[in-house]
PDB file of N, CA and C in Angstrom:
ATOM      1  N   MET A   1     -14.754  12.614  -4.866  1.00  0.00           N
ATOM      2  CA  MET A   1     -15.508  13.542  -5.686  1.00  0.00           C
ATOM      3  C   MET A   1     -16.716  14.088  -4.920  1.00  0.00           C
ATOM      4  N   ILE A   2     -17.294  13.272  -4.040  1.00  0.00           N
ATOM      5  CA  ILE A   2     -18.419  13.746  -3.225  1.00  0.00           C
ATOM      6  C   ILE A   2     -17.958  14.868  -2.310  1.00  0.00           C
ATOM      7  N   PHE A   3     -16.795  14.675  -1.666  1.00  0.00           N
ATOM      8  CA  PHE A   3     -16.273  15.714  -0.778  1.00  0.00           C
ATOM      9  C   PHE A   3     -15.930  16.982  -1.548  1.00  0.00           C
ATOM     10  N   ASN A   4     -15.563  16.833  -2.805  1.00  0.00           N
ATOM     11  CA  ASN A   4     -15.209  17.979  -3.637  1.00  0.00           C
ATOM     12  C   ASN A   4     -16.453  18.699  -4.154  1.00  0.00           C
ATOM     13  N   PHE A   5     -17.328  18.006  -4.870  1.00  0.00           N
ATOM     14  CA  PHE A   5     -18.437  18.663  -5.558  1.00  0.00           C
ATOM     15  C   PHE A   5     -19.645  18.924  -4.670  1.00  0.00           C
ATOM     16  N   LYS A   6     -19.962  18.011  -3.771  1.00  0.00           N
ATOM     17  CA  LYS A   6     -21.153  18.193  -2.945  1.00  0.00           C
ATOM     18  C   LYS A   6     -20.871  19.050  -1.712  1.00  0.00           C
ATOM     19  N   TYR A   7     -19.756  18.754  -1.030  1.00  0.00           N
ATOM     20  CA  TYR A   7     -19.472  19.444   0.229  1.00  0.00           C
ATOM     21  C   TYR A   7     -18.434  20.550   0.094  1.00  0.00           C
ATOM     22  N   HIS A   8     -17.778  20.662  -1.049  1.00  0.00           N
ATOM     23  CA  HIS A   8     -16.792  21.724  -1.323  1.00  0.00           C
ATOM     24  C   HIS A   8     -15.711  21.793  -0.245  1.00  0.00           C
ATOM     25  N   LEU A   9     -15.187  20.638   0.149  1.00  0.00           N
ATOM     26  CA  LEU A   9     -14.150  20.591   1.177  1.00  0.00           C
ATOM     27  C   LEU A   9     -12.751  20.725   0.593  1.00  0.00           C
ATOM     28  N   TYR A  10     -12.604  20.401  -0.664  1.00  0.00           N
ATOM     29  CA  TYR A  10     -11.333  20.580  -1.360  1.00  0.00           C
ATOM     30  C   TYR A  10     -11.609  20.605  -2.854  1.00  0.00           C
ATOM     31  N   GLY A  11     -10.604  20.952  -3.599  1.00  0.00           N
ATOM     32  CA  GLY A  11     -10.784  20.986  -5.039  1.00  0.00           C
ATOM     33  C   GLY A  11      -9.453  20.920  -5.751  1.00  0.00           C
ATOM     34  N   TYR A  12      -9.516  20.834  -7.054  1.00  0.00           N
ATOM     35  CA  TYR A  12      -8.329  20.798  -7.898  1.00  0.00           C
ATOM     36  C   TYR A  12      -8.295  22.074  -8.712  1.00  0.00           C
ATOM     37  N   PHE A  13      -7.240  22.843  -8.555  1.00  0.00           N
ATOM     38  CA  PHE A  13      -7.025  24.099  -9.251  1.00  0.00           C
ATOM     39  C   PHE A  13      -8.123  25.110  -8.907  1.00  0.00           C
ATOM     40  N   ASP A  14      -9.265  25.047  -9.566  1.00  0.00           N
ATOM     41  CA  ASP A  14     -10.360  25.992  -9.335  1.00  0.00           C
ATOM     42  C   ASP A  14     -11.601  25.232  -8.889  1.00  0.00           C
ATOM     43  N   LYS A  15     -12.674  25.976  -8.596  1.00  0.00           N
ATOM     44  CA  LYS A  15     -13.929  25.331  -8.212  1.00  0.00           C
ATOM     45  C   LYS A  15     -14.528  24.612  -9.408  1.00  0.00           C
ATOM     46  N   GLY A  16     -15.252  23.544  -9.119  1.00  0.00           N
ATOM     47  CA  GLY A  16     -15.912  22.798 -10.179  1.00  0.00           C
ATOM     48  C   GLY A  16     -15.003  21.756 -10.813  1.00  0.00           C
ATOM     49  N   PHE A  17     -15.521  21.159 -11.849  1.00  0.00           N
ATOM     50  CA  PHE A  17     -14.823  20.070 -12.528  1.00  0.00           C
ATOM     51  C   PHE A  17     -13.801  20.617 -13.509  1.00  0.00           C
ATOM     52  N   GLN A  18     -12.605  20.035 -13.498  1.00  0.00           N
ATOM     53  CA  GLN A  18     -11.585  20.312 -14.505  1.00  0.00           C
ATOM     54  C   GLN A  18     -11.026  18.975 -14.968  1.00  0.00           C
ATOM     55  N   TRP A  19     -10.809  18.854 -16.251  1.00  0.00           N
ATOM     56  CA  TRP A  19     -10.296  17.596 -16.791  1.00  0.00           C
ATOM     57  C   TRP A  19      -8.911  17.279 -16.255  1.00  0.00           C
ATOM     58  N   HIS A  20      -8.046  18.279 -16.116  1.00  0.00           N
ATOM     59  CA  HIS A  20      -6.700  17.995 -15.626  1.00  0.00           C
ATOM     60  C   HIS A  20      -6.727  17.577 -14.154  1.00  0.00           C
ATOM     61  N   GLY A  21      -7.697  18.050 -13.374  1.00  0.00           N
ATOM     62  CA  GLY A  21      -7.871  17.570 -12.003  1.00  0.00           C
ATOM     63  C   GLY A  21      -8.323  16.119 -11.987  1.00  0.00           C
ATOM     64  N   PHE A  22      -9.276  15.801 -12.869  1.00  0.00           N
ATOM     65  CA  PHE A  22      -9.746  14.418 -12.983  1.00  0.00           C
ATOM     66  C   PHE A  22      -8.616  13.504 -13.443  1.00  0.00           C
ATOM     67  N   LEU A  23      -7.841  13.965 -14.396  1.00  0.00           N
ATOM     68  CA  LEU A  23      -6.717  13.176 -14.894  1.00  0.00           C
ATOM     69  C   LEU A  23      -5.704  12.921 -13.778  1.00  0.00           C
ATOM     70  N   GLY A  24      -5.441  13.944 -12.966  1.00  0.00           N
ATOM     71  CA  GLY A  24      -4.536  13.778 -11.828  1.00  0.00           C
ATOM     72  C   GLY A  24      -5.044  12.755 -10.836  1.00  0.00           C
ATOM     73  N   GLU A  25      -6.335  12.805 -10.517  1.00  0.00           N
ATOM     74  CA  GLU A  25      -6.930  11.805  -9.624  1.00  0.00           C
ATOM     75  C   GLU A  25      -6.800  10.410 -10.227  1.00  0.00           C
ATOM     76  N   PHE A  26      -7.145  10.299 -11.487  1.00  0.00           N
ATOM     77  CA  PHE A  26      -7.121   9.017 -12.185  1.00  0.00           C
ATOM     78  C   PHE A  26      -5.713   8.424 -12.210  1.00  0.00           C
ATOM     79  N   LEU A  27      -4.719   9.268 -12.469  1.00  0.00           N
ATOM     80  CA  LEU A  27      -3.345   8.784 -12.569  1.00  0.00           C
ATOM     81  C   LEU A  27      -2.685   8.569 -11.212  1.00  0.00           C
ATOM     82  N   TYR A  28      -3.299   9.042 -10.139  1.00  0.00           N
ATOM     83  CA  TYR A  28      -2.735   8.822  -8.807  1.00  0.00           C
ATOM     84  C   TYR A  28      -3.420   7.674  -8.084  1.00  0.00           C
ATOM     85  N   PHE A  29      -4.737   7.739  -7.946  1.00  0.00           N
ATOM     86  CA  PHE A  29      -5.445   6.795  -7.078  1.00  0.00           C
ATOM     87  C   PHE A  29      -5.449   5.365  -7.607  1.00  0.00           C
ATOM     88  N   ILE A  30      -5.570   5.189  -8.891  1.00  0.00           N
ATOM     89  CA  ILE A  30      -5.586   3.828  -9.436  1.00  0.00           C
ATOM     90  C   ILE A  30      -4.228   3.144  -9.267  1.00  0.00           C
ATOM     91  N   PRO A  31      -3.116   3.778  -9.649  1.00  0.00           N
ATOM     92  CA  PRO A  31      -1.822   3.106  -9.428  1.00  0.00           C
ATOM     93  C   PRO A  31      -1.511   2.858  -7.950  1.00  0.00           C
ATOM     94  N   VAL A  32      -1.861   3.806  -7.085  1.00  0.00           N
ATOM     95  CA  VAL A  32      -1.613   3.608  -5.645  1.00  0.00           C
ATOM     96  C   VAL A  32      -2.426   2.417  -5.135  1.00  0.00           C
ATOM     97  N   SER A  33      -3.656   2.318  -5.564  1.00  0.00           N
ATOM     98  CA  SER A  33      -4.497   1.188  -5.141  1.00  0.00           C
ATOM     99  C   SER A  33      -3.927  -0.134  -5.638  1.00  0.00           C
ATOM    100  N   ILE A  34      -3.470  -0.163  -6.868  1.00  0.00           N
ATOM    101  CA  ILE A  34      -2.892  -1.388  -7.424  1.00  0.00           C
ATOM    102  C   ILE A  34      -1.621  -1.770  -6.683  1.00  0.00           C
ATOM    103  N   LEU A  35      -0.751  -0.806  -6.437  1.00  0.00           N
ATOM    104  CA  LEU A  35       0.486  -1.090  -5.705  1.00  0.00           C
ATOM    105  C   LEU A  35       0.200  -1.552  -4.283  1.00  0.00           C
ATOM    106  N   PHE A  36      -0.726  -0.881  -3.610  1.00  0.00           N
ATOM    107  CA  PHE A  36      -1.088  -1.263  -2.248  1.00  0.00           C
ATOM    108  C   PHE A  36      -1.568  -2.709  -2.206  1.00  0.00           C
ATOM    109  N   LEU A  37      -2.485  -3.069  -3.099  1.00  0.00           N
ATOM    110  CA  LEU A  37      -3.048  -4.420  -3.088  1.00  0.00           C
ATOM    111  C   LEU A  37      -2.050  -5.465  -3.575  1.00  0.00           C
ATOM    112  N   ASN A  38      -1.188  -5.103  -4.507  1.00  0.00           N
ATOM    113  CA  ASN A  38      -0.231  -6.049  -5.043  1.00  0.00           C
ATOM    114  C   ASN A  38       0.736  -6.546  -3.973  1.00  0.00           C
ATOM    115  N   TYR A  39       1.117  -5.673  -3.057  1.00  0.00           N
ATOM    116  CA  TYR A  39       2.092  -6.045  -2.034  1.00  0.00           C
ATOM    117  C   TYR A  39       1.465  -6.266  -0.654  1.00  0.00           C
ATOM    118  N   TYR A  40       0.133  -6.236  -0.577  1.00  0.00           N
ATOM    119  CA  TYR A  40      -0.537  -6.437   0.706  1.00  0.00           C
ATOM    120  C   TYR A  40      -0.214  -7.838   1.245  1.00  0.00           C
ATOM    121  N   PRO A  41       0.174  -7.936   2.524  1.00  0.00           N
ATOM    122  CA  PRO A  41       0.558  -9.238   3.099  1.00  0.00           C
ATOM    123  C   PRO A  41      -0.657 -10.072   3.529  1.00  0.00           C
ATOM    124  N   PHE A  42      -1.363 -10.645   2.562  1.00  0.00           N
ATOM    125  CA  PHE A  42      -2.574 -11.411   2.878  1.00  0.00           C
ATOM    126  C   PHE A  42      -2.304 -12.555   3.849  1.00  0.00           C
ATOM    127  N   LYS A  43      -1.136 -13.161   3.751  1.00  0.00           N
ATOM    128  CA  LYS A  43      -0.821 -14.290   4.622  1.00  0.00           C
ATOM    129  C   LYS A  43       0.004 -13.875   5.840  1.00  0.00           C
ATOM    130  N   GLY A  44       0.194 -12.597   6.031  1.00  0.00           N
ATOM    131  CA  GLY A  44       0.960 -12.105   7.167  1.00  0.00           C
ATOM    132  C   GLY A  44       0.126 -12.074   8.436  1.00  0.00           C
ATOM    133  N   THR A  45       0.780 -11.744   9.525  1.00  0.00           N
ATOM    134  CA  THR A  45       0.088 -11.618  10.806  1.00  0.00           C
ATOM    135  C   THR A  45      -0.733 -10.328  10.817  1.00  0.00           C
ATOM    136  N   ASN A  46      -1.639 -10.230  11.765  1.00  0.00           N
ATOM    137  CA  ASN A  46      -2.435  -9.008  11.889  1.00  0.00           C
ATOM    138  C   ASN A  46      -1.545  -7.800  12.162  1.00  0.00           C
ATOM    139  N   GLN A  47      -0.477  -8.015  12.918  1.00  0.00           N
ATOM    140  CA  GLN A  47       0.458  -6.936  13.215  1.00  0.00           C
ATOM    141  C   GLN A  47       1.155  -6.461  11.929  1.00  0.00           C
ATOM    142  N   THR A  48       1.532  -7.391  11.075  1.00  0.00           N
ATOM    143  CA  THR A  48       2.150  -7.043   9.799  1.00  0.00           C
ATOM    144  C   THR A  48       1.172  -6.273   8.925  1.00  0.00           C
ATOM    145  N   LYS A  49      -0.070  -6.724   8.882  1.00  0.00           N
ATOM    146  CA  LYS A  49      -1.091  -6.043   8.085  1.00  0.00           C
ATOM    147  C   LYS A  49      -1.347  -4.635   8.608  1.00  0.00           C
ATOM    148  N   LEU A  50      -1.405  -4.493   9.929  1.00  0.00           N
ATOM    149  CA  LEU A  50      -1.620  -3.171  10.522  1.00  0.00           C
ATOM    150  C   LEU A  50      -0.456  -2.239  10.192  1.00  0.00           C
ATOM    151  N   PHE A  51       0.768  -2.730  10.340  1.00  0.00           N
ATOM    152  CA  PHE A  51       1.937  -1.918  10.018  1.00  0.00           C
ATOM    153  C   PHE A  51       1.921  -1.510   8.549  1.00  0.00           C
ATOM    154  N   TYR A  52       1.551  -2.436   7.666  1.00  0.00           N
ATOM    155  CA  TYR A  52       1.501  -2.160   6.226  1.00  0.00           C
ATOM    156  C   TYR A  52       0.499  -1.048   5.936  1.00  0.00           C
ATOM    157  N   ILE A  53      -0.688  -1.143   6.512  1.00  0.00           N
ATOM    158  CA  ILE A  53      -1.719  -0.123   6.300  1.00  0.00           C
ATOM    159  C   ILE A  53      -1.273   1.220   6.872  1.00  0.00           C
ATOM    160  N   LEU A  54      -0.662   1.213   8.052  1.00  0.00           N
ATOM    161  CA  LEU A  54      -0.199   2.463   8.648  1.00  0.00           C
ATOM    162  C   LEU A  54       0.945   3.082   7.842  1.00  0.00           C
ATOM    163  N   ALA A  55       1.803   2.244   7.277  1.00  0.00           N
ATOM    164  CA  ALA A  55       2.900   2.760   6.445  1.00  0.00           C
ATOM    165  C   ALA A  55       2.340   3.416   5.182  1.00  0.00           C
ATOM    166  N   TRP A  56       1.363   2.789   4.557  1.00  0.00           N
ATOM    167  CA  TRP A  56       0.746   3.376   3.364  1.00  0.00           C
ATOM    168  C   TRP A  56      -0.042   4.632   3.723  1.00  0.00           C
ATOM    169  N   THR A  57      -0.643   4.655   4.905  1.00  0.00           N
ATOM    170  CA  THR A  57      -1.341   5.856   5.374  1.00  0.00           C
ATOM    171  C   THR A  57      -0.350   7.000   5.529  1.00  0.00           C
ATOM    172  N   ALA A  58       0.790   6.714   6.150  1.00  0.00           N
ATOM    173  CA  ALA A  58       1.811   7.746   6.332  1.00  0.00           C
ATOM    174  C   ALA A  58       2.329   8.236   4.981  1.00  0.00           C
ATOM    175  N   GLY A  59       2.635   7.311   4.078  1.00  0.00           N
ATOM    176  CA  GLY A  59       3.128   7.694   2.759  1.00  0.00           C
ATOM    177  C   GLY A  59       2.114   8.513   1.972  1.00  0.00           C
ATOM    178  N   SER A  60       0.874   8.089   1.999  1.00  0.00           N
ATOM    179  CA  SER A  60      -0.179   8.815   1.277  1.00  0.00           C
ATOM    180  C   SER A  60      -0.390  10.201   1.872  1.00  0.00           C
ATOM    181  N   SER A  61      -0.297  10.307   3.179  1.00  0.00           N
ATOM    182  CA  SER A  61      -0.466  11.602   3.846  1.00  0.00           C
ATOM    183  C   SER A  61       0.674  12.551   3.511  1.00  0.00           C
ATOM    184  N   ILE A  62       1.887  12.025   3.446  1.00  0.00           N
ATOM    185  CA  ILE A  62       3.038  12.852   3.077  1.00  0.00           C
ATOM    186  C   ILE A  62       2.893  13.343   1.639  1.00  0.00           C
ATOM    187  N   ILE A  63       2.494  12.450   0.751  1.00  0.00           N
ATOM    188  CA  ILE A  63       2.283  12.851  -0.657  1.00  0.00           C
ATOM    189  C   ILE A  63       1.186  13.909  -0.738  1.00  0.00           C
ATOM    190  N   GLU A  64       0.083  13.701  -0.006  1.00  0.00           N
ATOM    191  CA  GLU A  64      -1.006  14.671  -0.024  1.00  0.00           C
ATOM    192  C   GLU A  64      -0.538  16.032   0.500  1.00  0.00           C
ATOM    193  N   PHE A  65       0.291  16.026   1.533  1.00  0.00           N
ATOM    194  CA  PHE A  65       0.830  17.274   2.084  1.00  0.00           C
ATOM    195  C   PHE A  65       1.586  18.048   1.008  1.00  0.00           C
ATOM    196  N   PHE A  66       2.468  17.362   0.285  1.00  0.00           N
ATOM    197  CA  PHE A  66       3.258  18.038  -0.736  1.00  0.00           C
ATOM    198  C   PHE A  66       2.428  18.435  -1.956  1.00  0.00           C
ATOM    199  N   VAL A  67       1.465  17.616  -2.331  1.00  0.00           N
ATOM    200  CA  VAL A  67       0.603  17.956  -3.472  1.00  0.00           C
ATOM    201  C   VAL A  67      -0.232  19.190  -3.149  1.00  0.00           C
ATOM    202  N   GLU A  68      -0.688  19.293  -1.906  1.00  0.00           N
ATOM    203  CA  GLU A  68      -1.462  20.470  -1.501  1.00  0.00           C
ATOM    204  C   GLU A  68      -0.590  21.722  -1.550  1.00  0.00           C
ATOM    205  N   ARG A  69       0.674  21.590  -1.253  1.00  0.00           N
ATOM    206  CA  ARG A  69       1.609  22.734  -1.277  1.00  0.00           C
ATOM    207  C   ARG A  69       1.854  23.229  -2.708  1.00  0.00           C
ATOM    208  N   THR A  70       1.663  22.375  -3.702  1.00  0.00           N
ATOM    209  CA  THR A  70       1.851  22.791  -5.095  1.00  0.00           C
ATOM    210  C   THR A  70       0.605  23.479  -5.656  1.00  0.00           C
ATOM    211  N   HIS A  71      -0.485  23.471  -4.898  1.00  0.00           N
ATOM    212  CA  HIS A  71      -1.781  24.057  -5.273  1.00  0.00           C
ATOM    213  C   HIS A  71      -2.462  23.305  -6.409  1.00  0.00           C
ATOM    214  N   PHE A  72      -1.999  22.090  -6.679  1.00  0.00           N
ATOM    215  CA  PHE A  72      -2.754  21.215  -7.583  1.00  0.00           C
ATOM    216  C   PHE A  72      -4.033  20.798  -6.869  1.00  0.00           C
ATOM    217  N   PHE A  73      -3.906  20.611  -5.578  1.00  0.00           N
ATOM    218  CA  PHE A  73      -4.978  20.159  -4.710  1.00  0.00           C
ATOM    219  C   PHE A  73      -5.141  21.247  -3.663  1.00  0.00           C
ATOM    220  N   ASN A  74      -6.351  21.776  -3.486  1.00  0.00           N
ATOM    221  CA  ASN A  74      -6.574  22.877  -2.548  1.00  0.00           C
ATOM    222  C   ASN A  74      -7.621  22.507  -1.515  1.00  0.00           C
ATOM    223  N   TYR A  75      -7.285  22.711  -0.245  1.00  0.00           N
ATOM    224  CA  TYR A  75      -8.247  22.507   0.834  1.00  0.00           C
ATOM    225  C   TYR A  75      -9.115  23.755   0.955  1.00  0.00           C
ATOM    226  N   THR A  76     -10.427  23.569   1.068  1.00  0.00           N
ATOM    227  CA  THR A  76     -11.307  24.691   1.362  1.00  0.00           C
ATOM    228  C   THR A  76     -12.011  24.483   2.690  1.00  0.00           C
ATOM    229  N   GLY A  77     -12.187  23.245   3.103  1.00  0.00           N
ATOM    230  CA  GLY A  77     -12.764  22.938   4.396  1.00  0.00           C
ATOM    231  C   GLY A  77     -12.158  21.671   4.961  1.00  0.00           C
ATOM    232  N   TRP A  78     -11.397  21.009   4.154  1.00  0.00           N
ATOM    233  CA  TRP A  78     -10.760  19.738   4.512  1.00  0.00           C
ATOM    234  C   TRP A  78      -9.457  20.010   5.243  1.00  0.00           C
ATOM    235  N   LYS A  79      -9.067  19.101   6.093  1.00  0.00           N
ATOM    236  CA  LYS A  79      -7.787  19.190   6.797  1.00  0.00           C
ATOM    237  C   LYS A  79      -7.008  17.905   6.536  1.00  0.00           C
ATOM    238  N   LEU A  80      -5.692  17.996   6.583  1.00  0.00           N
ATOM    239  CA  LEU A  80      -4.852  16.822   6.382  1.00  0.00           C
ATOM    240  C   LEU A  80      -5.172  15.746   7.416  1.00  0.00           C
ATOM    241  N   TRP A  81      -5.532  16.159   8.608  1.00  0.00           N
ATOM    242  CA  TRP A  81      -5.865  15.192   9.662  1.00  0.00           C
ATOM    243  C   TRP A  81      -7.070  14.334   9.282  1.00  0.00           C
ATOM    244  N   TYR A  82      -8.006  14.902   8.539  1.00  0.00           N
ATOM    245  CA  TYR A  82      -9.151  14.108   8.085  1.00  0.00           C
ATOM    246  C   TYR A  82      -8.670  12.970   7.187  1.00  0.00           C
ATOM    247  N   SER A  83      -7.745  13.290   6.291  1.00  0.00           N
ATOM    248  CA  SER A  83      -7.211  12.269   5.394  1.00  0.00           C
ATOM    249  C   SER A  83      -6.464  11.195   6.171  1.00  0.00           C
ATOM    250  N   ILE A  84      -5.658  11.619   7.133  1.00  0.00           N
ATOM    251  CA  ILE A  84      -4.904  10.658   7.937  1.00  0.00           C
ATOM    252  C   ILE A  84      -5.851   9.687   8.634  1.00  0.00           C
ATOM    253  N   CYS A  85      -6.980  10.183   9.091  1.00  0.00           N
ATOM    254  CA  CYS A  85      -7.974   9.305   9.744  1.00  0.00           C
ATOM    255  C   CYS A  85      -8.731   8.440   8.742  1.00  0.00           C
ATOM    256  N   MET A  86      -8.916   8.940   7.514  1.00  0.00           N
ATOM    257  CA  MET A  86      -9.700   8.208   6.516  1.00  0.00           C
ATOM    258  C   MET A  86      -8.905   7.142   5.768  1.00  0.00           C
ATOM    259  N   TYR A  87      -7.608   7.371   5.564  1.00  0.00           N
ATOM    260  CA  TYR A  87      -6.808   6.444   4.761  1.00  0.00           C
ATOM    261  C   TYR A  87      -6.862   4.996   5.250  1.00  0.00           C
ATOM    262  N   PRO A  88      -6.728   4.722   6.553  1.00  0.00           N
ATOM    263  CA  PRO A  88      -6.809   3.307   6.966  1.00  0.00           C
ATOM    264  C   PRO A  88      -8.131   2.643   6.571  1.00  0.00           C
ATOM    265  N   PHE A  89      -9.223   3.386   6.673  1.00  0.00           N
ATOM    266  CA  PHE A  89     -10.521   2.827   6.278  1.00  0.00           C
ATOM    267  C   PHE A  89     -10.599   2.604   4.770  1.00  0.00           C
ATOM    268  N   VAL A  90     -10.055   3.529   4.005  1.00  0.00           N
ATOM    269  CA  VAL A  90     -10.042   3.378   2.545  1.00  0.00           C
ATOM    270  C   VAL A  90      -9.229   2.150   2.157  1.00  0.00           C
ATOM    271  N   PHE A  91      -8.066   1.967   2.784  1.00  0.00           N
ATOM    272  CA  PHE A  91      -7.238   0.803   2.472  1.00  0.00           C
ATOM    273  C   PHE A  91      -7.931  -0.497   2.896  1.00  0.00           C
ATOM    274  N   LEU A  92      -8.616  -0.486   4.026  1.00  0.00           N
ATOM    275  CA  LEU A  92      -9.374  -1.676   4.447  1.00  0.00           C
ATOM    276  C   LEU A  92     -10.512  -1.977   3.474  1.00  0.00           C
ATOM    277  N   ILE A  93     -11.153  -0.950   2.959  1.00  0.00           N
ATOM    278  CA  ILE A  93     -12.207  -1.142   1.961  1.00  0.00           C
ATOM    279  C   ILE A  93     -11.626  -1.768   0.696  1.00  0.00           C
ATOM    280  N   LEU A  94     -10.450  -1.306   0.276  1.00  0.00           N
ATOM    281  CA  LEU A  94      -9.798  -1.894  -0.907  1.00  0.00           C
ATOM    282  C   LEU A  94      -9.524  -3.381  -0.707  1.00  0.00           C
ATOM    283  N   VAL A  95      -8.988  -3.749   0.464  1.00  0.00           N
ATOM    284  CA  VAL A  95      -8.680  -5.151   0.747  1.00  0.00           C
ATOM    285  C   VAL A  95      -9.962  -5.973   0.785  1.00  0.00           C
ATOM    286  N   THR A  96     -10.984  -5.446   1.439  1.00  0.00           N
ATOM    287  CA  THR A  96     -12.268  -6.159   1.521  1.00  0.00           C
ATOM    288  C   THR A  96     -12.866  -6.344   0.137  1.00  0.00           C
ATOM    289  N   HIS A  97     -12.808  -5.324  -0.682  1.00  0.00           N
ATOM    290  CA  HIS A  97     -13.327  -5.414  -2.048  1.00  0.00           C
ATOM    291  C   HIS A  97     -12.592  -6.479  -2.845  1.00  0.00           C
ATOM    292  N   LEU A  98     -11.272  -6.510  -2.737  1.00  0.00           N
ATOM    293  CA  LEU A  98     -10.497  -7.520  -3.462  1.00  0.00           C
ATOM    294  C   LEU A  98     -10.857  -8.929  -2.986  1.00  0.00           C
ATOM    295  N   ARG A  99     -11.013  -9.096  -1.695  1.00  0.00           N
ATOM    296  CA  ARG A  99     -11.399 -10.418  -1.166  1.00  0.00           C
ATOM    297  C   ARG A  99     -12.761 -10.850  -1.691  1.00  0.00           C
ATOM    298  N   ILE A 100     -13.711  -9.929  -1.753  1.00  0.00           N
ATOM    299  CA  ILE A 100     -15.051 -10.241  -2.272  1.00  0.00           C
ATOM    300  C   ILE A 100     -14.969 -10.624  -3.743  1.00  0.00           C
ATOM    301  N   VAL A 101     -14.215  -9.861  -4.520  1.00  0.00           N
ATOM    302  CA  VAL A 101     -14.072 -10.161  -5.951  1.00  0.00           C
ATOM    303  C   VAL A 101     -13.417 -11.524  -6.146  1.00  0.00           C
ATOM    304  N   ARG A 102     -12.369 -11.810  -5.379  1.00  0.00           N
ATOM    305  CA  ARG A 102     -11.721 -13.121  -5.497  1.00  0.00           C
ATOM    306  C   ARG A 102     -12.684 -14.250  -5.138  1.00  0.00           C
ATOM    307  N   ARG A 103     -13.500 -14.045  -4.115  1.00  0.00           N
ATOM    308  CA  ARG A 103     -14.487 -15.062  -3.721  1.00  0.00           C
ATOM    309  C   ARG A 103     -15.509 -15.267  -4.832  1.00  0.00           C
ATOM    310  N   MET A 104     -15.956 -14.170  -5.445  1.00  0.00           N
ATOM    311  CA  MET A 104     -16.926 -14.269  -6.532  1.00  0.00           C
ATOM    312  C   MET A 104     -16.332 -14.998  -7.739  1.00  0.00           C
ATOM    313  N   ILE A 105     -15.081 -14.725  -8.044  1.00  0.00           N
ATOM    314  CA  ILE A 105     -14.419 -15.402  -9.162  1.00  0.00           C
ATOM    315  C   ILE A 105     -14.278 -16.882  -8.860  1.00  0.00           C
ATOM    316  N   LYS A 106     -13.950 -17.209  -7.621  1.00  0.00           N
ATOM    317  CA  LYS A 106     -13.801 -18.608  -7.237  1.00  0.00           C
ATOM    318  C   LYS A 106     -15.136 -19.351  -7.349  1.00  0.00           C
ATOM    319  N   LEU A 107     -16.233 -18.677  -7.002  1.00  0.00           N
ATOM    320  CA  LEU A 107     -17.555 -19.292  -7.109  1.00  0.00           C
ATOM    321  C   LEU A 107     -17.958 -19.532  -8.561  1.00  0.00           C
ATOM    322  N   ASP A 108     -17.538 -18.640  -9.460  1.00  0.00           N
ATOM    323  CA  ASP A 108     -17.867 -18.789 -10.876  1.00  0.00           C
ATOM    324  C   ASP A 108     -17.128 -19.951 -11.543  1.00  0.00           C
ATOM    325  N   SER A 109     -15.929 -20.246 -11.060  1.00  0.00           N
ATOM    326  CA  SER A 109     -15.144 -21.292 -11.735  1.00  0.00           C
ATOM    327  C   SER A 109     -15.319 -22.639 -11.122  1.00  0.00           C
TER     328      SER A 109
END
């Protein structure tokens, strides 16, 4: 949303906020995050984890490519390559966040 509203690098349908754009984000990013974390190989090797993150990066980039072609999602200054570079970091942030939450829950019990 920061890249959309503050920097105007991409948007949904038209400029500014639209509920159907927000709904699309909500219905895409939350399920993808849940699926990614649900099948993440926490006990796998580093090579397995890297392959998993790269596979999800490739899949997310392909989906983004096709969604942009439908004009649901419009680039105004953003490039697909930026997303390809950002996805691994986003997925690592998700894993780190889950680990922190699990540690906090373990400390509470």
